[in-house]
Amino acid sequence: MPVATLDEAFCWEAIQKRDRSQDGLWFVGVVTTGVYCRPSCTSRHALRKNVRFYRTSQEAQRAGLRPCLRCRPLDASRVAASADKMWELCRYIDSHIDSDGDSDSSSRMDLEALAARAGLSRFHLQRTFKAVVGVTPKQYADARRMAKLKSGLKRAKDVTEAVYDAGFGSSSRVYERADTRLGMTPNQYRRGGEGVEITYAAEETALGLMMIGATDRGICFLQFGESPDELAAALRKEYPKAQVAAMTQALGKVIGEPGSQFRLWMEALRNHLAGRVGSAAHTIPLDIRATAFQMQVWNYLQTIPAGQVQSYSEVASGIGRPAAVRAVARACASNTVAIVIPCHRVIRGTGELGGYRWGLARKRALIDLERRVG
């Protein structure tokens, strides 16, 4: 029998689209022909009443079905098995972060040991892991360790305790990575951003009032609202202990002048919202806090071409986590940097716009704008 946890409505929609991203993740059986196929099989579609869905090829075979000779579903199954092996390796890394100690010497977490565990060469593991997960094994372990540190900094008695609990061998290694991974030092994060300086400026755009807030590393806040006071309050709520101040100087026109970087960012965003090609809004640097999963989703969103949309299910499949549809939706909803992280390009599988924290009218306007420009 088919596995009950499969979303049959989603599966049916996927086979109508011949969605290749679902190949190997589940299988479609046709009881009248006695075969099972990939979701992307090019054979003529069967009637819905004759179609069954199966989580694995073994389930389909136990139901008396044989593999389709046209789409060869077992080849897709081998691809899925490789992906499953990489996610199993992720779980192994997660369970050994505490004991690894961040050492670069031979350990259960170095590339050679992980490759041996997966039964692959180092090169093949590196390539396969990155294709499935989106980052290398080392980058994944670093991100997971840093995520644990972020959580621990709020609970531990002091920074040193949180550093070692997260699996770092020394506090110096944490501070070396703080600028690129944490967005601030551990002590600053522990104190809710205390000591971090955020400057903001607001400007009217084609989609209404927009405010950006930024540290010296990049934009940490980009939102729309009805008034400067409302947006400034939202910024302070997001970073309650940071030093938040309005940009008091005029936005400089010469690089190096006070506010010149703000001017460039604002200009790029304003041009983007006005539909001008080559606005370079997507190149604006970010200084944002996120879990490893949120960052994985947000990085993927930035790869969706302007003017195109994907469903939450397609995004989940795109990052190799087809069952994480709700988590993808939460990651989109938690985005605090509009446009640059284009969560407006994600809609429901039914074609409806779905949610958008800055209003569905803006979401529709952004999609329509990008399609016109594209």
Protein backbone atom coordinates (compact mmCIF):
# COMPACT_ATOMS: atom_id res chain seq x y z
CA MET A 1 0.00 0.00 0.00
CA PRO A 2 1.20 3.57 -0.57
CA VAL A 3 2.66 5.39 2.42
CA ALA A 4 -0.04 7.52 4.03
CA THR A 5 2.23 10.48 4.77
CA LEU A 6 2.71 11.37 1.09
CA ASP A 7 0.80 14.48 0.07
CA GLU A 8 -1.21 12.98 -2.79
CA ALA A 9 -2.50 16.34 -4.04
CA PHE A 10 1.08 17.60 -4.30
CA CYS A 11 2.21 14.36 -5.99
CA TRP A 12 -0.59 14.52 -8.54
CA GLU A 13 0.28 18.12 -9.36
CA ALA A 14 3.96 17.14 -9.72
CA ILE A 15 3.27 14.41 -12.26
CA GLN A 16 1.04 16.75 -14.28
CA LYS A 17 4.06 19.07 -14.51
CA ARG A 18 6.48 16.14 -14.98
CA ASP A 19 8.52 17.69 -12.19
CA ARG A 20 12.06 16.27 -12.44
CA SER A 21 12.97 17.62 -9.00
CA GLN A 22 10.76 14.89 -7.47
CA ASP A 23 12.44 11.98 -9.28
CA GLY A 24 13.71 9.39 -6.84
CA LEU A 25 11.93 10.96 -3.87
CA TRP A 26 8.76 8.91 -4.49
CA PHE A 27 7.18 6.87 -7.27
CA VAL A 28 3.89 6.83 -9.16
CA GLY A 29 2.16 3.55 -9.97
CA VAL A 30 -0.56 2.85 -12.53
CA VAL A 31 -2.68 -0.12 -11.53
CA THR A 32 -4.19 -0.62 -15.00
CA THR A 33 -0.80 -1.06 -16.71
CA GLY A 34 0.98 -2.65 -13.75
CA VAL A 35 4.04 -0.34 -13.90
CA TYR A 36 5.54 2.32 -11.66
CA CYS A 37 7.38 5.40 -12.91
CA ARG A 38 9.29 8.53 -12.03
CA PRO A 39 7.09 11.63 -11.48
CA SER A 40 8.64 13.11 -14.66
CA CYS A 41 7.85 10.10 -16.88
CA THR A 42 6.87 11.24 -20.37
CA SER A 43 4.30 8.50 -20.84
CA ARG A 44 0.68 9.55 -21.30
CA HIS A 45 -0.93 10.43 -17.97
CA ALA A 46 -3.28 7.85 -16.50
CA LEU A 47 -6.64 8.69 -14.97
CA ARG A 48 -6.37 9.83 -11.35
CA LYS A 49 -8.47 6.91 -10.12
CA ASN A 50 -5.88 4.45 -11.47
CA VAL A 51 -2.84 6.18 -9.95
CA ARG A 52 -1.12 5.28 -6.66
CA PHE A 53 1.87 6.90 -4.96
CA TYR A 54 4.72 5.08 -3.22
CA ARG A 55 7.56 6.30 -1.04
CA THR A 56 10.04 3.68 -2.31
CA SER A 57 10.45 1.39 -5.31
CA GLN A 58 10.23 -1.59 -2.92
CA GLU A 59 6.72 -0.55 -1.90
CA ALA A 60 5.66 -0.32 -5.53
CA GLN A 61 7.09 -3.75 -6.25
CA ARG A 62 5.36 -5.25 -3.22
CA ALA A 63 2.12 -3.93 -4.71
CA GLY A 64 2.81 -6.07 -7.79
CA LEU A 65 4.10 -3.29 -10.06
CA ARG A 66 7.16 -3.46 -12.31
CA PRO A 67 9.53 -0.60 -13.29
CA CYS A 68 8.64 1.43 -16.38
CA LEU A 69 10.94 0.68 -19.33
CA ARG A 70 10.63 4.24 -20.64
CA CYS A 71 11.66 6.32 -17.60
CA ARG A 72 13.67 3.63 -15.72
CA PRO A 73 12.65 4.70 -12.18
CA LEU A 74 15.34 2.60 -10.48
CA ASP A 75 18.01 4.91 -11.92
CA ALA A 76 16.32 7.82 -10.13
CA SER A 77 16.14 5.70 -6.99
CA ARG A 78 19.91 5.37 -6.96
CA VAL A 79 20.23 9.17 -7.12
CA ALA A 80 17.84 9.48 -4.18
CA ALA A 81 19.83 6.86 -2.25
CA SER A 82 22.93 9.02 -2.68
CA ALA A 83 21.03 12.03 -1.34
CA ASP A 84 19.77 9.99 1.62
CA LYS A 85 23.36 9.02 2.40
CA MET A 86 24.41 12.68 2.48
CA TRP A 87 21.56 13.62 4.85
CA GLU A 88 22.50 10.67 7.04
CA LEU A 89 26.02 12.08 7.12
CA CYS A 90 24.56 15.44 8.19
CA ARG A 91 22.89 13.73 11.14
CA TYR A 92 26.21 12.06 11.99
CA ILE A 93 27.98 15.45 11.94
CA ASP A 94 25.23 16.94 14.12
CA SER A 95 25.67 14.19 16.73
CA HIS A 96 29.46 14.56 16.91
CA ILE A 97 29.88 18.35 16.92
CA ASP A 98 30.24 18.46 20.71
CA SER A 99 33.14 16.04 20.80
CA ASP A 100 35.03 17.20 17.73
CA GLY A 101 36.65 20.22 19.36
CA ASP A 102 37.28 22.11 16.10
CA SER A 103 40.64 20.39 15.58
CA ASP A 104 42.13 20.34 12.11
CA SER A 105 43.92 17.09 12.84
CA SER A 106 42.56 13.63 12.00
CA SER A 107 39.22 13.01 13.72
CA ARG A 108 35.81 11.52 13.15
CA MET A 109 34.81 14.77 11.46
CA ASP A 110 37.62 15.35 8.94
CA LEU A 111 36.95 14.83 5.25
CA GLU A 112 38.86 11.56 5.00
CA ALA A 113 36.97 10.00 7.91
CA LEU A 114 33.61 11.20 6.59
CA ALA A 115 34.43 9.86 3.13
CA ALA A 116 35.31 6.46 4.60
CA ARG A 117 32.03 6.43 6.52
CA ALA A 118 30.09 7.20 3.33
CA GLY A 119 32.07 4.69 1.28
CA LEU A 120 33.23 7.36 -1.17
CA SER A 121 36.47 9.02 -2.17
CA ARG A 122 37.21 12.40 -0.61
CA PHE A 123 36.64 14.14 -3.95
CA HIS A 124 33.36 12.32 -4.63
CA LEU A 125 32.10 13.03 -1.11
CA GLN A 126 32.94 16.73 -1.35
CA ARG A 127 31.18 17.05 -4.72
CA THR A 128 28.13 14.95 -3.80
CA PHE A 129 27.65 16.53 -0.36
CA LYS A 130 27.74 20.04 -1.80
CA ALA A 131 25.34 19.11 -4.62
CA VAL A 132 22.79 17.72 -2.12
CA VAL A 133 23.22 19.97 0.94
CA GLY A 134 24.45 23.14 -0.76
CA VAL A 135 27.68 23.49 1.24
CA THR A 136 30.79 21.39 1.88
CA PRO A 137 30.96 19.03 4.91
CA LYS A 138 33.27 21.47 6.70
CA GLN A 139 31.00 24.43 6.00
CA TYR A 140 28.03 22.43 7.24
CA ALA A 141 29.82 21.44 10.46
CA ASP A 142 30.95 25.04 11.02
CA ALA A 143 27.42 26.35 10.49
CA ARG A 144 25.91 23.79 12.87
CA ARG A 145 28.54 24.50 15.51
CA MET A 146 27.99 28.23 15.18
CA ALA A 147 24.20 27.77 15.42
CA LYS A 148 24.71 25.83 18.65
CA LEU A 149 26.96 28.57 19.94
CA LYS A 150 24.31 31.21 19.21
CA SER A 151 21.76 29.25 21.21
CA GLY A 152 24.20 28.49 24.02
CA LEU A 153 25.34 32.08 24.44
CA LYS A 154 21.89 32.94 25.78
CA ARG A 155 21.85 30.09 28.31
CA ALA A 156 25.41 29.50 29.50
CA LYS A 157 26.95 31.09 32.60
CA ASP A 158 29.63 32.75 30.48
CA VAL A 159 31.01 32.87 26.95
CA THR A 160 33.76 30.31 27.62
CA GLU A 161 31.23 27.69 28.72
CA ALA A 162 29.11 28.28 25.59
CA VAL A 163 32.19 28.10 23.34
CA TYR A 164 33.28 24.71 24.63
CA ASP A 165 29.72 23.35 24.82
CA ALA A 166 29.34 24.14 21.12
CA GLY A 167 32.39 22.02 20.31
CA PHE A 168 34.99 24.73 19.70
CA GLY A 169 38.47 23.88 20.93
CA SER A 170 39.27 27.46 21.92
CA SER A 171 37.57 30.84 22.13
CA SER A 172 40.14 32.34 19.76
CA ARG A 173 38.75 30.24 16.90
CA VAL A 174 35.29 31.67 17.54
CA TYR A 175 36.46 35.27 17.41
CA GLU A 176 38.35 34.56 14.18
CA ARG A 177 35.04 33.57 12.58
CA ALA A 178 32.74 36.05 14.30
CA ASP A 179 32.87 38.65 11.54
CA THR A 180 31.74 36.24 8.83
CA ARG A 181 29.54 33.76 10.70
CA LEU A 182 27.98 35.45 13.71
CA GLY A 183 27.74 39.03 12.47
CA MET A 184 29.08 40.21 15.86
CA THR A 185 31.32 38.87 18.61
CA PRO A 186 29.96 36.21 21.01
CA ASN A 187 29.73 38.68 23.88
CA GLN A 188 27.80 41.14 21.75
CA TYR A 189 25.38 38.45 20.61
CA ARG A 190 24.94 37.23 24.19
CA ARG A 191 23.94 40.76 25.20
CA GLY A 192 21.39 41.07 22.39
CA GLY A 193 23.60 43.08 20.08
CA GLU A 194 24.84 45.48 22.74
CA GLY A 195 27.70 47.54 21.36
CA VAL A 196 26.78 46.93 17.72
CA GLU A 197 26.10 50.15 15.82
CA ILE A 198 23.23 50.18 13.34
CA THR A 199 22.49 53.23 11.23
CA TYR A 200 19.24 53.61 9.34
CA ALA A 201 17.69 55.78 6.66
CA ALA A 202 14.23 55.85 5.09
CA GLU A 203 13.11 56.89 1.63
CA GLU A 204 9.97 56.88 -0.48
CA THR A 205 10.01 54.35 -3.32
CA ALA A 206 7.64 53.09 -5.98
CA LEU A 207 6.28 50.61 -3.40
CA GLY A 208 5.99 53.04 -0.52
CA LEU A 209 8.22 54.03 2.37
CA MET A 210 11.29 51.84 2.68
CA MET A 211 13.86 51.79 5.49
CA ILE A 212 17.25 50.14 5.54
CA GLY A 213 19.38 49.55 8.61
CA ALA A 214 23.02 48.55 8.33
CA THR A 215 26.15 47.77 10.31
CA ASP A 216 29.60 48.41 8.90
CA ARG A 217 29.41 44.93 7.32
CA GLY A 218 26.17 45.29 5.36
CA ILE A 219 22.39 45.61 5.52
CA CYS A 220 20.70 43.90 8.46
CA PHE A 221 17.20 45.34 7.98
CA LEU A 222 15.19 46.27 4.88
CA GLN A 223 11.44 46.70 5.29
CA PHE A 224 8.43 48.67 4.11
CA GLY A 225 6.00 50.55 6.34
CA GLU A 226 3.64 53.45 6.73
CA SER A 227 5.86 55.85 8.69
CA PRO A 228 9.52 56.32 9.69
CA ASP A 229 8.60 55.95 13.37
CA GLU A 230 6.89 52.60 12.76
CA LEU A 231 9.88 51.26 10.84
CA ALA A 232 12.41 52.56 13.35
CA ALA A 233 10.44 50.83 16.13
CA ALA A 234 10.51 47.57 14.16
CA LEU A 235 14.28 47.89 13.73
CA ARG A 236 14.82 48.45 17.44
CA LYS A 237 12.59 45.49 18.26
CA GLU A 238 14.69 43.31 15.97
CA TYR A 239 17.94 44.49 17.61
CA PRO A 240 16.85 45.57 21.11
CA LYS A 241 20.28 46.26 22.60
CA ALA A 242 22.15 47.56 19.58
CA GLN A 243 23.05 51.24 19.22
CA VAL A 244 20.45 52.27 16.66
CA ALA A 245 20.63 55.76 15.20
CA ALA A 246 19.30 57.59 12.15
CA MET A 247 21.69 58.66 9.44
CA THR A 248 22.03 62.33 10.35
CA GLN A 249 24.38 63.43 7.58
CA ALA A 250 23.32 63.93 4.00
CA LEU A 251 23.98 60.83 1.95
CA GLY A 252 27.42 61.53 0.46
CA LYS A 253 27.94 61.43 -3.28
CA VAL A 254 31.64 60.61 -3.16
CA ILE A 255 32.88 57.20 -2.01
CA GLY A 256 34.37 57.65 1.43
CA GLU A 257 32.14 60.55 2.40
CA PRO A 258 29.72 59.99 5.31
CA GLY A 259 26.67 58.10 4.07
CA SER A 260 28.11 57.38 0.63
CA GLN A 261 27.60 53.62 0.98
CA PHE A 262 24.02 54.20 2.10
CA ARG A 263 23.48 56.35 -0.97
CA LEU A 264 24.70 53.58 -3.27
CA TRP A 265 22.50 50.97 -1.59
CA MET A 266 19.46 53.23 -1.63
CA GLU A 267 20.06 54.11 -5.26
CA ALA A 268 20.33 50.45 -6.26
CA LEU A 269 17.12 49.58 -4.42
CA ARG A 270 15.26 52.61 -5.75
CA ASN A 271 16.31 51.77 -9.31
CA HIS A 272 15.23 48.16 -8.82
CA LEU A 273 11.79 49.20 -7.62
CA ALA A 274 11.50 51.64 -10.52
CA GLY A 275 12.07 48.77 -12.94
CA ARG A 276 15.49 49.84 -14.19
CA VAL A 277 17.67 47.04 -15.52
CA GLY A 278 21.09 46.58 -13.94
CA SER A 279 20.18 47.99 -10.54
CA ALA A 280 22.64 45.60 -8.83
CA ALA A 281 20.30 45.33 -5.83
CA HIS A 282 21.15 41.61 -5.57
CA THR A 283 24.82 42.43 -4.90
CA ILE A 284 24.17 44.44 -1.72
CA PRO A 285 26.12 42.90 1.20
CA LEU A 286 24.12 41.52 4.12
CA ASP A 287 24.85 41.25 7.84
CA ILE A 288 22.05 39.02 9.07
CA ARG A 289 21.53 36.45 11.81
CA ALA A 290 20.06 33.12 10.80
CA THR A 291 20.00 29.43 11.56
CA ALA A 292 21.79 27.09 9.14
CA PHE A 293 18.41 26.07 7.68
CA GLN A 294 17.22 29.66 7.23
CA MET A 295 20.47 30.56 5.50
CA GLN A 296 20.12 27.54 3.22
CA VAL A 297 16.61 28.65 2.23
CA TRP A 298 17.61 32.30 1.80
CA ASN A 299 20.64 31.41 -0.31
CA TYR A 300 18.40 29.28 -2.53
CA LEU A 301 15.86 32.10 -2.92
CA GLN A 302 18.62 34.29 -4.32
CA THR A 303 19.16 31.74 -7.12
CA ILE A 304 15.55 31.99 -8.37
CA PRO A 305 15.74 34.20 -11.48
CA ALA A 306 13.96 37.54 -11.27
CA GLY A 307 10.47 37.31 -12.72
CA GLN A 308 10.10 33.63 -11.90
CA VAL A 309 8.29 32.08 -8.94
CA GLN A 310 8.43 28.72 -7.18
CA SER A 311 6.11 27.03 -4.73
CA TYR A 312 7.13 26.32 -1.14
CA SER A 313 7.29 22.64 -2.12
CA GLU A 314 9.63 23.39 -5.02
CA VAL A 315 11.93 25.37 -2.74
CA ALA A 316 11.93 22.53 -0.21
CA SER A 317 12.86 20.07 -2.95
CA GLY A 318 15.43 22.51 -4.33
CA ILE A 319 17.37 22.50 -1.07
CA GLY A 320 17.10 18.73 -0.81
CA ARG A 321 14.49 18.77 1.98
CA PRO A 322 11.19 17.86 0.25
CA ALA A 323 9.39 17.19 3.54
CA ALA A 324 10.32 20.59 5.03
CA VAL A 325 7.62 22.65 3.26
CA ARG A 326 6.33 24.28 6.45
CA ALA A 327 9.86 25.03 7.65
CA VAL A 328 10.57 26.72 4.31
CA ALA A 329 7.43 28.84 4.75
CA ARG A 330 8.60 29.86 8.24
CA ALA A 331 12.04 30.76 6.90
CA CYS A 332 10.44 32.99 4.27
CA ALA A 333 8.21 34.62 6.88
CA SER A 334 11.18 35.35 9.16
CA ASN A 335 13.11 37.22 6.46
CA THR A 336 13.88 40.76 7.65
CA VAL A 337 15.60 41.90 4.44
CA ALA A 338 13.06 42.39 1.68
CA ILE A 339 13.98 42.33 -2.03
CA VAL A 340 17.65 41.32 -1.55
CA ILE A 341 16.43 38.02 -0.08
CA PRO A 342 13.54 37.64 -2.55
CA CYS A 343 10.94 35.74 -0.53
CA HIS A 344 8.33 37.40 -2.76
CA ARG A 345 9.26 34.83 -5.44
CA VAL A 346 7.74 31.99 -3.40
CA ILE A 347 4.02 31.27 -3.79
CA ARG A 348 1.61 28.46 -2.97
CA GLY A 349 1.44 25.35 -5.12
CA THR A 350 -2.10 26.34 -6.13
CA GLY A 351 -0.76 29.50 -7.80
CA GLU A 352 -2.09 31.77 -5.03
CA LEU A 353 0.34 34.37 -3.72
CA GLY A 354 0.38 33.06 -0.15
CA GLY A 355 1.64 35.29 2.65
CA TYR A 356 3.98 38.28 2.60
CA ARG A 357 4.80 40.29 5.70
CA TRP A 358 4.79 43.56 3.77
CA GLY A 359 1.42 43.00 2.12
CA LEU A 360 0.17 40.96 -0.83
CA ALA A 361 -0.17 44.08 -2.97
CA ARG A 362 3.58 44.67 -2.71
CA LYS A 363 4.29 40.99 -3.40
CA ARG A 364 2.20 41.08 -6.57
CA ALA A 365 3.80 44.39 -7.60
CA LEU A 366 7.33 42.99 -7.14
CA ILE A 367 6.57 39.86 -9.18
CA ASP A 368 4.90 41.88 -11.95
CA LEU A 369 7.77 44.38 -11.95
CA GLU A 370 10.41 41.68 -12.32
CA ARG A 371 8.46 40.01 -15.12
CA ARG A 372 8.20 43.27 -17.05
CA VAL A 373 11.88 44.01 -16.68
CA GLY A 374 12.87 40.40 -17.46
